[in-house]
């Protein structure tokens, strides 16, 4: 993917190591945890991958992790997005959308038959809807984090 001009700097999107997601994950998604506690069980599973937007200073400014998991309450195999976040300083620059598009394309390059789903926070419903995700559950609460809905998108 070619570098894209953001509101603050130039950035590029690529696959990144799991450890490169930890700082932003902790700061934006789990500020109540330490850096060592934000690692997820499936971070380094063979079918997992991590996408990041990195600025010209090598600072990770947007992230997402994608892993294999069943769609909730079904036996449908799928890709699952976890830990998607962008630095508050770059929100609105397009880097979060670029990370999402890159991740969807990469997942479907690996297996074009699987849908992609996530537990979307209430504040992110509109973001995912703009990229074609639809609601697949009623709202539910994740203790300590807040309201969510399952959202899903099928391969194009």
C-alpha atoms as a PDB file:
ATOM      1  CA  UNK A   1       0.000   0.000   0.000  1.00  0.00           C
ATOM      2  CA  UNK A   2       1.378   3.392  -0.901  1.00  0.00           C
ATOM      3  CA  UNK A   3       2.069   5.983   1.773  1.00  0.00           C
ATOM      4  CA  UNK A   4      -0.908   8.219   2.293  1.00  0.00           C
ATOM      5  CA  UNK A   5      -0.987  11.741   3.523  1.00  0.00           C
ATOM      6  CA  UNK A   6      -2.628  11.998   6.920  1.00  0.00           C
ATOM      7  CA  UNK A   7      -3.624  15.076   8.850  1.00  0.00           C
ATOM      8  CA  UNK A   8      -0.410  15.074  10.895  1.00  0.00           C
ATOM      9  CA  UNK A   9       2.159  13.130   8.899  1.00  0.00           C
ATOM     10  CA  UNK A  10       2.775  10.564   6.216  1.00  0.00           C
ATOM     11  CA  UNK A  11       2.058   6.961   7.149  1.00  0.00           C
ATOM     12  CA  UNK A  12       2.029   3.518   5.591  1.00  0.00           C
ATOM     13  CA  UNK A  13       0.057   0.361   6.379  1.00  0.00           C
ATOM     14  CA  UNK A  14       1.637  -3.081   6.631  1.00  0.00           C
ATOM     15  CA  UNK A  15       1.755  -6.281   8.637  1.00  0.00           C
ATOM     16  CA  UNK A  16       3.543  -5.718  11.951  1.00  0.00           C
ATOM     17  CA  UNK A  17       4.689  -7.942  14.856  1.00  0.00           C
ATOM     18  CA  UNK A  18       2.222  -8.463  17.714  1.00  0.00           C
ATOM     19  CA  UNK A  19       4.506  -6.653  20.152  1.00  0.00           C
ATOM     20  CA  UNK A  20       4.248  -3.484  18.036  1.00  0.00           C
ATOM     21  CA  UNK A  21       0.530  -3.303  18.899  1.00  0.00           C
ATOM     22  CA  UNK A  22       0.953  -3.366  22.673  1.00  0.00           C
ATOM     23  CA  UNK A  23       1.665   0.299  23.389  1.00  0.00           C
ATOM     24  CA  UNK A  24      -1.344   1.624  21.459  1.00  0.00           C
ATOM     25  CA  UNK A  25      -3.557  -1.226  22.702  1.00  0.00           C
ATOM     26  CA  UNK A  26      -2.703  -0.351  26.278  1.00  0.00           C
ATOM     27  CA  UNK A  27      -3.001   3.420  25.876  1.00  0.00           C
ATOM     28  CA  UNK A  28      -6.277   3.496  23.922  1.00  0.00           C
ATOM     29  CA  UNK A  29      -8.143   0.257  24.703  1.00  0.00           C
ATOM     30  CA  UNK A  30      -6.938  -0.976  28.082  1.00  0.00           C
ATOM     31  CA  UNK A  31      -5.448   1.889  30.103  1.00  0.00           C
ATOM     32  CA  UNK A  32      -6.239  -0.026  33.295  1.00  0.00           C
ATOM     33  CA  UNK A  33      -3.751  -2.763  32.292  1.00  0.00           C
ATOM     34  CA  UNK A  34       0.016  -2.713  32.115  1.00  0.00           C
ATOM     35  CA  UNK A  35       1.871  -3.127  28.823  1.00  0.00           C
ATOM     36  CA  UNK A  36       2.657  -6.732  29.825  1.00  0.00           C
ATOM     37  CA  UNK A  37      -1.036  -7.476  30.397  1.00  0.00           C
ATOM     38  CA  UNK A  38      -2.344  -6.386  26.970  1.00  0.00           C
ATOM     39  CA  UNK A  39      -0.980  -9.406  25.110  1.00  0.00           C
ATOM     40  CA  UNK A  40      -3.817 -11.634  23.892  1.00  0.00           C
ATOM     41  CA  UNK A  41      -3.782 -15.438  23.920  1.00  0.00           C
ATOM     42  CA  UNK A  42      -4.044 -15.661  20.146  1.00  0.00           C
ATOM     43  CA  UNK A  43      -1.524 -12.926  19.268  1.00  0.00           C
ATOM     44  CA  UNK A  44       1.084 -15.357  18.027  1.00  0.00           C
ATOM     45  CA  UNK A  45      -1.170 -18.173  16.799  1.00  0.00           C
ATOM     46  CA  UNK A  46      -0.299 -19.397  13.297  1.00  0.00           C
ATOM     47  CA  UNK A  47      -3.526 -17.965  11.811  1.00  0.00           C
ATOM     48  CA  UNK A  48      -3.263 -14.567  13.532  1.00  0.00           C
ATOM     49  CA  UNK A  49      -1.800 -11.424  12.032  1.00  0.00           C
ATOM     50  CA  UNK A  50      -1.418  -7.776  12.990  1.00  0.00           C
ATOM     51  CA  UNK A  51      -1.815  -4.677  10.862  1.00  0.00           C
ATOM     52  CA  UNK A  52      -0.452  -1.255  11.671  1.00  0.00           C
ATOM     53  CA  UNK A  53      -0.230   2.221  10.261  1.00  0.00           C
ATOM     54  CA  UNK A  54       3.239   3.554  10.955  1.00  0.00           C
ATOM     55  CA  UNK A  55       4.223   7.188  10.537  1.00  0.00           C
ATOM     56  CA  UNK A  56       7.483   8.553   9.121  1.00  0.00           C
ATOM     57  CA  UNK A  57       8.981   8.509  12.643  1.00  0.00           C
ATOM     58  CA  UNK A  58       8.273   4.743  12.898  1.00  0.00           C
ATOM     59  CA  UNK A  59       5.515   5.435  15.436  1.00  0.00           C
ATOM     60  CA  UNK A  60       2.580   3.000  15.293  1.00  0.00           C
ATOM     61  CA  UNK A  61      -0.523   5.165  15.005  1.00  0.00           C
ATOM     62  CA  UNK A  62      -3.304   2.636  14.200  1.00  0.00           C
ATOM     63  CA  UNK A  63      -3.564  -1.114  14.772  1.00  0.00           C
ATOM     64  CA  UNK A  64      -5.710  -4.183  14.505  1.00  0.00           C
ATOM     65  CA  UNK A  65      -5.246  -7.871  15.238  1.00  0.00           C
ATOM     66  CA  UNK A  66      -7.004 -10.529  13.158  1.00  0.00           C
ATOM     67  CA  UNK A  67      -7.386 -14.118  14.297  1.00  0.00           C
ATOM     68  CA  UNK A  68      -9.475 -17.176  13.470  1.00  0.00           C
ATOM     69  CA  UNK A  69     -12.533 -17.618  15.668  1.00  0.00           C
ATOM     70  CA  UNK A  70     -16.142 -18.761  15.364  1.00  0.00           C
ATOM     71  CA  UNK A  71     -18.901 -16.207  14.875  1.00  0.00           C
ATOM     72  CA  UNK A  72     -20.577 -15.967  18.321  1.00  0.00           C
ATOM     73  CA  UNK A  73     -23.394 -18.412  18.978  1.00  0.00           C
ATOM     74  CA  UNK A  74     -22.753 -20.238  15.696  1.00  0.00           C
ATOM     75  CA  UNK A  75     -20.470 -22.927  14.336  1.00  0.00           C
ATOM     76  CA  UNK A  76     -19.463 -20.650  11.444  1.00  0.00           C
ATOM     77  CA  UNK A  77     -15.696 -20.344  10.983  1.00  0.00           C
ATOM     78  CA  UNK A  78     -14.557 -16.742  10.561  1.00  0.00           C
ATOM     79  CA  UNK A  79     -11.857 -14.131  10.947  1.00  0.00           C
ATOM     80  CA  UNK A  80     -12.164 -11.985  14.065  1.00  0.00           C
ATOM     81  CA  UNK A  81     -10.876  -8.460  14.563  1.00  0.00           C
ATOM     82  CA  UNK A  82      -9.546  -7.686  18.015  1.00  0.00           C
ATOM     83  CA  UNK A  83      -7.676  -4.763  19.468  1.00  0.00           C
ATOM     84  CA  UNK A  84      -8.436  -2.204  16.762  1.00  0.00           C
ATOM     85  CA  UNK A  85      -7.351   1.283  17.799  1.00  0.00           C
ATOM     86  CA  UNK A  86      -5.943   4.518  16.475  1.00  0.00           C
ATOM     87  CA  UNK A  87      -3.970   7.205  18.227  1.00  0.00           C
ATOM     88  CA  UNK A  88      -6.381  10.006  19.195  1.00  0.00           C
ATOM     89  CA  UNK A  89      -4.049  12.508  17.479  1.00  0.00           C
ATOM     90  CA  UNK A  90      -4.655  10.951  14.046  1.00  0.00           C
ATOM     91  CA  UNK A  91      -8.354  10.134  14.199  1.00  0.00           C
ATOM     92  CA  UNK A  92     -10.114  11.373  11.107  1.00  0.00           C
ATOM     93  CA  UNK A  93      -6.972  11.125   8.958  1.00  0.00           C
ATOM     94  CA  UNK A  94      -8.061   7.879   7.270  1.00  0.00           C
ATOM     95  CA  UNK A  95      -5.382   5.664   8.770  1.00  0.00           C
ATOM     96  CA  UNK A  96      -7.899   3.585  10.794  1.00  0.00           C
ATOM     97  CA  UNK A  97      -9.919   2.892   7.655  1.00  0.00           C
ATOM     98  CA  UNK A  98      -6.753   2.048   5.738  1.00  0.00           C
ATOM     99  CA  UNK A  99      -5.749  -0.431   8.456  1.00  0.00           C
ATOM    100  CA  UNK A 100      -9.217  -2.013   8.353  1.00  0.00           C
ATOM    101  CA  UNK A 101      -9.229  -2.305   4.538  1.00  0.00           C
ATOM    102  CA  UNK A 102      -5.702  -3.774   4.524  1.00  0.00           C
ATOM    103  CA  UNK A 103      -6.681  -6.295   7.210  1.00  0.00           C
ATOM    104  CA  UNK A 104      -9.852  -7.347   5.390  1.00  0.00           C
ATOM    105  CA  UNK A 105      -7.964  -7.769   2.113  1.00  0.00           C
ATOM    106  CA  UNK A 106      -5.207  -9.778   3.788  1.00  0.00           C
ATOM    107  CA  UNK A 107      -7.692 -12.041   5.596  1.00  0.00           C
ATOM    108  CA  UNK A 108      -9.588 -12.713   2.367  1.00  0.00           C
ATOM    109  CA  UNK A 109      -6.324 -13.309   0.473  1.00  0.00           C
ATOM    110  CA  UNK A 110      -5.664 -16.071   3.024  1.00  0.00           C
ATOM    111  CA  UNK A 111      -9.223 -17.470   2.916  1.00  0.00           C
ATOM    112  CA  UNK A 112     -11.741 -15.719   0.696  1.00  0.00           C
ATOM    113  CA  UNK A 113     -14.721 -17.691   1.998  1.00  0.00           C
ATOM    114  CA  UNK A 114     -14.677 -16.576   5.635  1.00  0.00           C
ATOM    115  CA  UNK A 115     -16.608 -13.608   7.016  1.00  0.00           C
ATOM    116  CA  UNK A 116     -14.942 -11.131   9.367  1.00  0.00           C
ATOM    117  CA  UNK A 117     -16.530 -10.145  12.672  1.00  0.00           C
ATOM    118  CA  UNK A 118     -15.756  -8.100  15.758  1.00  0.00           C
ATOM    119  CA  UNK A 119     -17.172  -7.029  19.077  1.00  0.00           C
ATOM    120  CA  UNK A 120     -17.593  -3.343  18.232  1.00  0.00           C
ATOM    121  CA  UNK A 121     -17.677  -0.712  20.934  1.00  0.00           C
ATOM    122  CA  UNK A 122     -20.696   1.592  20.764  1.00  0.00           C
ATOM    123  CA  UNK A 123     -18.482   4.510  19.706  1.00  0.00           C
ATOM    124  CA  UNK A 124     -17.251   2.474  16.691  1.00  0.00           C
ATOM    125  CA  UNK A 125     -20.596   1.276  15.251  1.00  0.00           C
ATOM    126  CA  UNK A 126     -20.664   4.002  12.599  1.00  0.00           C
ATOM    127  CA  UNK A 127     -17.034   3.385  11.646  1.00  0.00           C
ATOM    128  CA  UNK A 128     -17.646  -0.301  10.919  1.00  0.00           C
ATOM    129  CA  UNK A 129     -20.946   0.421   9.148  1.00  0.00           C
ATOM    130  CA  UNK A 130     -19.112   2.754   6.726  1.00  0.00           C
ATOM    131  CA  UNK A 131     -16.988  -0.228   5.646  1.00  0.00           C
ATOM    132  CA  UNK A 132     -19.931  -2.578   5.102  1.00  0.00           C
ATOM    133  CA  UNK A 133     -20.234  -4.320   8.474  1.00  0.00           C
ATOM    134  CA  UNK A 134     -23.736  -5.054   9.745  1.00  0.00           C
ATOM    135  CA  UNK A 135     -25.041  -5.759  13.234  1.00  0.00           C
ATOM    136  CA  UNK A 136     -25.244  -9.437  14.189  1.00  0.00           C
ATOM    137  CA  UNK A 137     -26.310  -9.154  17.832  1.00  0.00           C
ATOM    138  CA  UNK A 138     -28.163  -7.048  20.320  1.00  0.00           C
ATOM    139  CA  UNK A 139     -26.081  -4.733  22.461  1.00  0.00           C
ATOM    140  CA  UNK A 140     -24.274  -6.344  25.388  1.00  0.00           C
ATOM    141  CA  UNK A 141     -21.931  -5.061  28.059  1.00  0.00           C
ATOM    142  CA  UNK A 142     -18.339  -6.163  28.510  1.00  0.00           C
ATOM    143  CA  UNK A 143     -17.573  -5.428  32.186  1.00  0.00           C
ATOM    144  CA  UNK A 144     -15.007  -2.685  32.603  1.00  0.00           C
ATOM    145  CA  UNK A 145     -15.152  -1.760  28.909  1.00  0.00           C
ATOM    146  CA  UNK A 146     -18.767  -0.942  28.067  1.00  0.00           C
ATOM    147  CA  UNK A 147     -21.504  -1.545  25.486  1.00  0.00           C
ATOM    148  CA  UNK A 148     -20.757  -3.599  22.349  1.00  0.00           C
ATOM    149  CA  UNK A 149     -22.500  -5.317  19.451  1.00  0.00           C
ATOM    150  CA  UNK A 150     -21.214  -8.118  17.251  1.00  0.00           C
ATOM    151  CA  UNK A 151     -20.692  -6.749  13.741  1.00  0.00           C
ATOM    152  CA  UNK A 152     -19.917  -8.849  10.676  1.00  0.00           C
ATOM    153  CA  UNK A 153     -18.994  -8.508   7.025  1.00  0.00           C
ATOM    154  CA  UNK A 154     -19.044 -11.237   4.404  1.00  0.00           C
ATOM    155  CA  UNK A 155     -16.393 -11.543   1.696  1.00  0.00           C
ATOM    156  CA  UNK A 156     -17.100  -9.500  -1.423  1.00  0.00           C
END
